[in-house]
């Protein structure tokens, strides 16, 4: 296809596709899907080789959020039967983070529900960051605490945070349909605050909330303009007890097209498959590794994910390798300004065009509402049926797979071992 050849050439040059080309990727047929994956895979391998970065979520404070984000199981008025607890102590959070690091995670994402942190909350998280860094000196720490006030990003940076996550989630035009207690502009402002403080910005989207192709392209192009170092792509998990509980629009094929479009628009950034990969990609998860170079390991914030060992097996079986702690994630032109750290916003390069936003949190899209998982299925594999002798029933692609959604009952906030 001429379209795909053009997109590969542009991706290798870090040149933006047109909106029409991005929309055309989403409109490709299932017959052309493998060609789309192969083309986007060339761009992914050019900038990231066959490395897969592992990220691990630690939910510092779960539930009881005053915001009304429709996708979120922790939202105001949510009836989802999730774990609810107040702030973990630094030693508890550090122990949870250590489980992820021992499982191969290179980055730990510290998440707390709420509109945004108070100064006391920033002190708490700063103590937690220091405890984690003392125990695991090489680990990257990303904070995800909601909307930031002036000076808070700088304080997190001084405490040792490497990155800050705050997703745009959807297009500016439709944002008011998803959330009313804060604005799209509030989110953009927080991503800019992270940039200005010298933190590696992480900002992404949630697909499957009833948005149009145009909305998806809008939000990805907005992300390109914001120029984050990492872009988490969440796939909505419609959890019971939330306003979007009946929104089941995604198929594995559509998820792959969304990831491919994101890779073409943001060729040289860390594209992360975040919440919902187990539920919506299902047995096609390995194909998605040809598009994204990063995933979350194990469970999410309020929902269970694929078993950690199954994640590692999937990566190896697909011919990829886990990125080591000593390896630089981003291409040299993005990482050089930070001396090989989390990444940079080098002039003229990067995902965006401005001169130089695990997926996490109630303001990030990796919470229980948008980051489900197949739970504790037998064998911990890719949503395996309970018994090998009892094949799973064949369902139409559009039928809800609520059997693949399980509320997290282990790890942070519980006495049970985490899934990592």
Protein backbone atom coordinates (compact mmCIF):
# COMPACT_ATOMS: atom_id res chain seq x y z
CA UNK A 1 0.00 0.00 0.00
CA UNK A 2 1.34 3.44 -0.94
CA UNK A 3 -0.11 4.81 2.31
CA UNK A 4 1.94 2.47 4.44
CA UNK A 5 5.15 3.07 2.50
CA UNK A 6 4.65 6.80 2.97
CA UNK A 7 4.00 6.41 6.69
CA UNK A 8 7.09 4.26 7.20
CA UNK A 9 9.27 6.81 5.38
CA UNK A 10 7.84 9.63 7.49
CA UNK A 11 8.26 7.65 10.71
CA UNK A 12 11.93 6.97 10.02
CA UNK A 13 12.42 10.71 9.48
CA UNK A 14 10.34 11.69 12.55
CA UNK A 15 8.01 13.53 10.22
CA UNK A 16 4.36 13.88 11.10
CA UNK A 17 1.75 12.15 8.97
CA UNK A 18 -1.23 14.19 7.87
CA UNK A 19 -4.53 13.88 9.68
CA UNK A 20 -5.95 12.23 6.57
CA UNK A 21 -3.20 9.60 6.64
CA UNK A 22 -3.78 8.91 10.34
CA UNK A 23 -7.52 8.53 9.74
CA UNK A 24 -6.78 6.20 6.83
CA UNK A 25 -4.86 3.88 9.17
CA UNK A 26 -7.92 3.58 11.42
CA UNK A 27 -10.08 2.92 8.34
CA UNK A 28 -8.00 0.04 6.96
CA UNK A 29 -9.72 -3.33 6.56
CA UNK A 30 -9.02 -6.48 8.52
CA UNK A 31 -7.57 -7.93 5.31
CA UNK A 32 -4.85 -5.27 5.46
CA UNK A 33 -4.25 -5.48 9.21
CA UNK A 34 -1.04 -7.51 9.10
CA UNK A 35 0.37 -5.11 6.53
CA UNK A 36 -0.42 -2.21 8.87
CA UNK A 37 1.26 -3.98 11.80
CA UNK A 38 4.31 -4.81 9.70
CA UNK A 39 4.68 -1.22 8.52
CA UNK A 40 4.33 0.32 11.99
CA UNK A 41 6.64 -2.42 13.27
CA UNK A 42 9.42 -1.13 11.01
CA UNK A 43 9.16 2.28 12.66
CA UNK A 44 9.07 0.75 16.15
CA UNK A 45 12.15 -1.42 15.50
CA UNK A 46 14.06 1.47 13.92
CA UNK A 47 13.82 3.55 17.10
CA UNK A 48 13.55 0.88 19.80
CA UNK A 49 14.84 -2.39 18.38
CA UNK A 50 13.16 -5.42 19.93
CA UNK A 51 13.28 -4.10 23.50
CA UNK A 52 10.17 -4.02 25.72
CA UNK A 53 10.18 -1.75 28.76
CA UNK A 54 8.30 -3.06 31.79
CA UNK A 55 6.43 -0.69 34.11
CA UNK A 56 4.81 -1.50 37.44
CA UNK A 57 1.89 0.31 39.11
CA UNK A 58 1.64 0.95 42.84
CA UNK A 59 -1.70 2.38 43.96
CA UNK A 60 -0.74 4.59 46.92
CA UNK A 61 -4.32 5.60 47.75
CA UNK A 62 -7.34 3.84 46.29
CA UNK A 63 -10.90 5.02 45.76
CA UNK A 64 -12.98 7.91 47.12
CA UNK A 65 -11.94 10.40 44.45
CA UNK A 66 -13.95 13.67 44.27
CA UNK A 67 -13.62 13.87 40.46
CA UNK A 68 -16.33 12.49 38.16
CA UNK A 69 -14.28 10.91 35.33
CA UNK A 70 -16.81 8.56 33.72
CA UNK A 71 -14.28 5.81 32.95
CA UNK A 72 -12.93 5.56 36.49
CA UNK A 73 -13.85 2.99 39.14
CA UNK A 74 -12.52 5.37 41.82
CA UNK A 75 -14.71 8.31 40.74
CA UNK A 76 -17.21 10.25 42.78
CA UNK A 77 -20.35 8.12 43.02
CA UNK A 78 -18.73 4.93 41.73
CA UNK A 79 -20.48 1.76 42.80
CA UNK A 80 -17.63 -0.46 41.67
CA UNK A 81 -16.63 -2.80 44.49
CA UNK A 82 -12.95 -1.93 44.45
CA UNK A 83 -10.39 -1.79 47.24
CA UNK A 84 -10.57 1.48 49.17
CA UNK A 85 -7.72 2.60 51.41
CA UNK A 86 -5.85 5.73 52.38
CA UNK A 87 -2.14 6.49 51.84
CA UNK A 88 0.32 3.62 52.02
CA UNK A 89 3.30 4.28 54.27
CA UNK A 90 6.65 4.70 52.48
CA UNK A 91 7.88 1.27 53.58
CA UNK A 92 4.67 -0.37 52.33
CA UNK A 93 4.91 1.37 48.97
CA UNK A 94 8.61 0.52 48.69
CA UNK A 95 7.88 -3.15 49.36
CA UNK A 96 5.20 -3.14 46.66
CA UNK A 97 7.58 -1.45 44.23
CA UNK A 98 10.30 -4.00 45.00
CA UNK A 99 7.98 -6.81 43.87
CA UNK A 100 7.63 -5.17 40.48
CA UNK A 101 11.35 -4.50 40.15
CA UNK A 102 12.15 -8.12 41.01
CA UNK A 103 9.76 -9.14 38.24
CA UNK A 104 11.71 -7.11 35.70
CA UNK A 105 10.09 -3.67 35.90
CA UNK A 106 12.36 -0.77 35.00
CA UNK A 107 9.90 1.93 36.04
CA UNK A 108 7.58 2.14 39.05
CA UNK A 109 4.49 4.34 38.70
CA UNK A 110 3.22 5.77 42.00
CA UNK A 111 -0.45 6.65 41.73
CA UNK A 112 -2.95 8.28 44.06
CA UNK A 113 -6.61 8.99 43.46
CA UNK A 114 -7.83 12.54 43.89
CA UNK A 115 -8.07 15.85 42.07
CA UNK A 116 -4.49 16.71 42.87
CA UNK A 117 -2.00 16.55 45.73
CA UNK A 118 -1.84 18.88 48.70
CA UNK A 119 1.60 20.02 49.80
CA UNK A 120 1.40 17.42 52.57
CA UNK A 121 0.64 14.77 49.94
CA UNK A 122 3.73 15.84 48.00
CA UNK A 123 5.75 15.39 51.20
CA UNK A 124 4.33 11.87 51.59
CA UNK A 125 5.12 10.92 48.03
CA UNK A 126 8.58 12.47 48.26
CA UNK A 127 9.35 10.26 51.27
CA UNK A 128 8.08 7.25 49.32
CA UNK A 129 10.23 8.10 46.29
CA UNK A 130 13.30 8.35 48.50
CA UNK A 131 12.52 5.00 50.16
CA UNK A 132 12.15 3.30 46.77
CA UNK A 133 15.35 4.84 45.42
CA UNK A 134 17.28 3.75 48.50
CA UNK A 135 16.15 0.16 48.00
CA UNK A 136 16.37 0.11 44.19
CA UNK A 137 18.79 2.77 43.02
CA UNK A 138 18.43 2.10 39.29
CA UNK A 139 14.63 2.13 39.11
CA UNK A 140 12.82 5.00 37.41
CA UNK A 141 9.99 6.51 39.45
CA UNK A 142 6.99 8.15 37.80
CA UNK A 143 4.46 10.00 39.94
CA UNK A 144 0.79 10.28 39.01
CA UNK A 145 -1.09 12.39 41.51
CA UNK A 146 -3.56 14.40 39.44
CA UNK A 147 -3.50 18.13 38.74
CA UNK A 148 -0.34 19.88 39.94
CA UNK A 149 -0.12 23.28 41.60
CA UNK A 150 2.79 25.64 41.06
CA UNK A 151 6.04 24.34 42.52
CA UNK A 152 4.87 20.77 43.15
CA UNK A 153 6.52 19.26 40.06
CA UNK A 154 9.82 20.84 41.12
CA UNK A 155 9.50 19.33 44.61
CA UNK A 156 8.85 15.87 43.18
CA UNK A 157 11.87 16.26 40.93
CA UNK A 158 14.03 17.25 43.92
CA UNK A 159 12.80 14.17 45.79
CA UNK A 160 14.08 11.94 42.99
CA UNK A 161 11.08 11.52 40.68
CA UNK A 162 12.08 10.90 37.09
CA UNK A 163 8.72 11.36 35.38
CA UNK A 164 5.16 12.56 35.83
CA UNK A 165 2.08 11.02 34.25
CA UNK A 166 -1.11 12.89 33.39
CA UNK A 167 -3.14 11.71 30.41
CA UNK A 168 -5.23 13.82 28.06
CA UNK A 169 -7.48 10.75 27.68
CA UNK A 170 -9.69 12.02 24.84
CA UNK A 171 -10.05 14.90 22.40
CA UNK A 172 -10.61 18.43 23.61
CA UNK A 173 -13.95 18.54 21.76
CA UNK A 174 -15.38 15.57 23.68
CA UNK A 175 -13.62 16.03 27.02
CA UNK A 176 -16.63 17.63 28.66
CA UNK A 177 -18.70 14.51 27.90
CA UNK A 178 -16.30 12.39 29.98
CA UNK A 179 -15.46 14.69 32.91
CA UNK A 180 -17.07 17.86 34.30
CA UNK A 181 -15.08 18.52 37.49
CA UNK A 182 -11.96 19.70 35.67
CA UNK A 183 -11.10 20.70 32.10
CA UNK A 184 -8.96 19.52 29.23
CA UNK A 185 -6.92 22.70 29.67
CA UNK A 186 -6.22 21.69 33.29
CA UNK A 187 -4.63 18.48 32.03
CA UNK A 188 -2.53 20.25 29.43
CA UNK A 189 -1.34 22.67 32.12
CA UNK A 190 -0.16 19.82 34.35
CA UNK A 191 1.78 18.15 31.53
CA UNK A 192 3.44 21.49 30.82
CA UNK A 193 4.31 21.89 34.51
CA UNK A 194 6.04 18.49 34.43
CA UNK A 195 8.01 19.54 31.34
CA UNK A 196 9.03 22.84 32.91
CA UNK A 197 10.28 21.13 36.07
CA UNK A 198 12.57 18.85 34.10
CA UNK A 199 10.49 15.74 34.63
CA UNK A 200 10.00 13.29 31.79
CA UNK A 201 6.39 13.86 30.75
CA UNK A 202 4.09 10.86 30.29
CA UNK A 203 0.68 11.50 28.75
CA UNK A 204 -1.66 9.31 26.74
CA UNK A 205 -5.23 8.38 25.93
CA UNK A 206 -8.12 6.01 26.57
CA UNK A 207 -9.77 4.36 23.57
CA UNK A 208 -13.20 2.77 23.60
CA UNK A 209 -15.28 5.44 25.33
CA UNK A 210 -17.54 5.93 22.32
CA UNK A 211 -15.23 8.38 20.58
CA UNK A 212 -14.97 8.74 16.80
CA UNK A 213 -11.93 8.12 14.63
CA UNK A 214 -11.57 11.91 14.41
CA UNK A 215 -11.45 12.15 18.21
CA UNK A 216 -8.71 9.53 18.39
CA UNK A 217 -6.64 11.33 15.78
CA UNK A 218 -7.24 14.67 17.53
CA UNK A 219 -5.94 13.46 20.89
CA UNK A 220 -2.89 11.73 19.42
CA UNK A 221 -1.95 14.84 17.42
CA UNK A 222 -2.45 16.92 20.58
CA UNK A 223 -0.07 14.57 22.37
CA UNK A 224 2.47 14.97 19.57
CA UNK A 225 2.29 18.72 20.08
CA UNK A 226 2.77 18.37 23.87
CA UNK A 227 5.80 16.14 23.18
CA UNK A 228 5.75 13.67 26.09
CA UNK A 229 8.50 11.07 26.29
CA UNK A 230 5.95 8.27 26.77
CA UNK A 231 2.41 7.81 25.49
CA UNK A 232 0.31 5.17 27.28
CA UNK A 233 -2.57 3.82 25.21
CA UNK A 234 -5.35 2.55 27.47
CA UNK A 235 -8.32 0.51 26.27
CA UNK A 236 -11.42 1.15 28.33
CA UNK A 237 -12.51 -1.64 30.65
CA UNK A 238 -16.18 -0.96 31.31
CA UNK A 239 -16.40 -1.88 34.98
CA UNK A 240 -19.76 -2.39 36.62
CA UNK A 241 -20.67 0.55 38.81
CA UNK A 242 -19.31 3.21 36.43
CA UNK A 243 -21.19 5.32 33.84
CA UNK A 244 -19.37 3.60 30.95
CA UNK A 245 -20.11 0.07 32.12
CA UNK A 246 -22.01 -0.74 28.92
CA UNK A 247 -19.48 0.73 26.49
CA UNK A 248 -17.97 -2.26 24.68
CA UNK A 249 -16.80 -1.00 21.28
CA UNK A 250 -13.32 -2.46 20.85
CA UNK A 251 -12.10 -5.50 18.94
CA UNK A 252 -8.51 -6.79 18.87
CA UNK A 253 -8.22 -5.54 15.29
CA UNK A 254 -9.32 -2.01 16.18
CA UNK A 255 -6.91 -1.92 19.12
CA UNK A 256 -4.04 -2.82 16.81
CA UNK A 257 -5.02 -0.11 14.35
CA UNK A 258 -5.13 2.46 17.17
CA UNK A 259 -1.67 1.44 18.35
CA UNK A 260 -0.33 1.58 14.79
CA UNK A 261 -1.76 5.05 14.25
CA UNK A 262 -0.20 6.22 17.51
CA UNK A 263 3.18 4.83 16.47
CA UNK A 264 3.05 6.58 13.10
CA UNK A 265 2.12 9.92 14.70
CA UNK A 266 4.62 9.56 17.58
CA UNK A 267 7.37 7.44 15.98
CA UNK A 268 10.22 7.96 18.44
CA UNK A 269 8.46 8.04 21.82
CA UNK A 270 7.78 5.23 24.26
CA UNK A 271 4.36 3.93 23.23
CA UNK A 272 3.00 1.87 26.10
CA UNK A 273 0.19 -0.66 25.95
CA UNK A 274 -1.56 0.19 29.20
CA UNK A 275 -4.89 -0.79 30.75
CA UNK A 276 -7.20 -3.16 28.96
CA UNK A 277 -4.76 -5.05 26.75
CA UNK A 278 -5.73 -8.40 28.22
CA UNK A 279 -9.44 -7.74 27.82
CA UNK A 280 -9.48 -6.27 24.32
CA UNK A 281 -6.37 -7.60 22.56
CA UNK A 282 -6.66 -11.02 24.21
CA UNK A 283 -4.75 -13.64 22.18
CA UNK A 284 -3.51 -10.93 19.81
CA UNK A 285 -1.42 -9.23 22.52
CA UNK A 286 1.88 -10.47 21.02
CA UNK A 287 1.13 -8.65 17.75
CA UNK A 288 0.82 -5.41 19.70
CA UNK A 289 4.46 -5.73 20.78
CA UNK A 290 5.39 -4.98 17.17
CA UNK A 291 3.76 -1.56 17.65
CA UNK A 292 4.45 -0.58 21.26
CA UNK A 293 7.76 -0.84 23.09
CA UNK A 294 6.41 -0.73 26.63
CA UNK A 295 3.78 -2.48 28.78
CA UNK A 296 2.60 -2.65 32.37
CA UNK A 297 3.63 -5.77 34.26
CA UNK A 298 1.03 -7.65 36.29
CA UNK A 299 -1.96 -5.93 37.89
CA UNK A 300 -3.34 -2.42 37.46
CA UNK A 301 -4.72 -0.03 40.06
CA UNK A 302 -8.13 -1.49 40.85
CA UNK A 303 -8.27 -4.44 38.46
CA UNK A 304 -6.22 -7.56 37.89
CA UNK A 305 -4.03 -8.10 34.88
CA UNK A 306 -2.32 -11.03 33.24
CA UNK A 307 0.07 -12.91 35.50
CA UNK A 308 3.53 -11.37 35.55
CA UNK A 309 5.26 -14.57 34.46
CA UNK A 310 2.86 -14.82 31.51
CA UNK A 311 3.85 -11.30 30.44
CA UNK A 312 7.50 -12.35 30.41
CA UNK A 313 6.74 -15.55 28.49
CA UNK A 314 4.71 -13.62 25.94
CA UNK A 315 7.56 -11.18 25.33
CA UNK A 316 10.09 -13.98 24.88
CA UNK A 317 7.82 -16.12 22.70
CA UNK A 318 7.16 -13.16 20.40
CA UNK A 319 10.91 -12.72 19.86
CA UNK A 320 11.34 -9.60 21.99
CA UNK A 321 13.52 -8.97 25.04
CA UNK A 322 12.95 -7.14 28.32
CA UNK A 323 14.78 -3.83 28.46
CA UNK A 324 17.47 -3.84 31.12
CA UNK A 325 17.98 -1.26 33.86
CA UNK A 326 21.18 -0.05 32.24
CA UNK A 327 19.64 0.51 28.81
CA UNK A 328 18.36 3.90 27.69
CA UNK A 329 14.75 3.67 26.58
CA UNK A 330 14.57 6.61 24.21
CA UNK A 331 16.53 7.22 21.01
CA UNK A 332 19.73 9.19 21.43
CA UNK A 333 18.33 12.45 20.06
CA UNK A 334 15.68 12.46 22.79
CA UNK A 335 17.76 11.05 25.64
CA UNK A 336 20.97 13.03 25.19
CA UNK A 337 19.74 16.18 26.91
CA UNK A 338 19.21 14.14 30.10
CA UNK A 339 22.51 12.34 29.89
CA UNK A 340 20.87 9.04 29.04
CA UNK A 341 18.07 9.24 31.59
CA UNK A 342 14.33 8.90 31.05
CA UNK A 343 14.45 11.01 27.92
CA UNK A 344 14.51 14.55 26.72
CA UNK A 345 12.70 17.07 24.62
CA UNK A 346 15.51 17.80 22.19
CA UNK A 347 14.91 20.72 19.85
CA UNK A 348 13.66 19.67 16.47
CA UNK A 349 13.14 16.07 17.45
CA UNK A 350 10.75 14.09 19.51
CA UNK A 351 7.15 13.23 19.04
CA UNK A 352 6.08 16.84 18.71
CA UNK A 353 6.97 19.89 16.74
CA UNK A 354 7.25 22.48 19.53
CA UNK A 355 10.69 23.83 20.35
CA UNK A 356 12.06 22.23 23.08
CA UNK A 357 0.47 14.29 28.65
CA UNK A 358 0.92 2.79 34.03
CA UNK A 359 -0.59 5.30 32.42
CA UNK A 360 -1.48 5.66 35.83
CA UNK A 361 -3.99 6.99 38.26
CA UNK A 362 -7.46 8.38 38.50
CA UNK A 363 -6.27 11.17 36.22
CA UNK A 364 -4.37 8.87 33.90
CA UNK A 365 -6.51 6.11 32.54
CA UNK A 366 -4.78 3.11 34.09
CA UNK A 367 -7.19 2.82 36.97
CA UNK A 368 -9.64 0.02 37.39
CA UNK A 369 -12.18 1.52 35.05
CA UNK A 370 -9.90 1.67 32.07
CA UNK A 371 -7.27 -0.84 33.02
CA UNK A 372 -8.89 -4.13 33.69
CA UNK A 373 -7.30 -7.47 33.18
CA UNK A 374 -8.22 -11.07 32.86
CA UNK A 375 -7.77 -11.66 36.56
CA UNK A 376 -6.52 -14.87 38.10
CA UNK A 377 -7.39 -17.27 35.32
CA UNK A 378 -5.88 -20.72 35.46
CA UNK A 379 -2.30 -20.78 34.30
CA UNK A 380 -2.02 -17.01 34.36
CA UNK A 381 -1.80 -16.95 30.58
CA UNK A 382 -3.64 -14.90 28.04
CA UNK A 383 -7.10 -15.27 29.51
CA UNK A 384 -7.04 -19.05 29.44
CA UNK A 385 -10.24 -20.97 30.11
CA UNK A 386 -10.60 -22.57 33.51
CA UNK A 387 -9.87 -26.01 32.13
CA UNK A 388 -7.90 -27.07 29.08
CA UNK A 389 -10.49 -29.77 28.42
CA UNK A 390 -13.31 -27.23 28.37
CA UNK A 391 -12.77 -24.84 25.46
CA UNK A 392 -13.98 -21.30 25.87
CA UNK A 393 -17.20 -20.60 23.99
CA UNK A 394 -16.87 -18.69 20.75
CA UNK A 395 -18.37 -15.23 21.11
CA UNK A 396 -19.11 -12.56 18.53
CA UNK A 397 -16.41 -9.89 18.55
CA UNK A 398 -18.83 -7.21 19.73
CA UNK A 399 -20.19 -9.16 22.72
CA UNK A 400 -18.98 -7.86 26.10
CA UNK A 401 -16.30 -9.98 27.75
CA UNK A 402 -17.14 -9.20 31.34
CA UNK A 403 -15.71 -12.59 32.27
CA UNK A 404 -12.26 -11.10 31.67
CA UNK A 405 -12.65 -8.31 34.23
CA UNK A 406 -11.65 -8.91 37.85
CA UNK A 407 -11.31 -6.40 40.68
CA UNK A 408 -7.84 -6.39 42.21
CA UNK A 409 -7.81 -8.11 45.60
CA UNK A 410 -4.06 -8.57 46.05
CA UNK A 411 -0.92 -6.47 46.30
CA UNK A 412 -0.94 -2.86 47.56
CA UNK A 413 -3.56 -2.27 50.23
CA UNK A 414 -3.96 -5.97 51.01
CA UNK A 415 -2.10 -8.70 52.91
CA UNK A 416 -1.74 -10.84 49.77
CA UNK A 417 1.35 -11.02 47.58
CA UNK A 418 1.26 -8.80 44.49
CA UNK A 419 1.13 -10.09 40.94
CA UNK A 420 4.48 -9.20 39.39
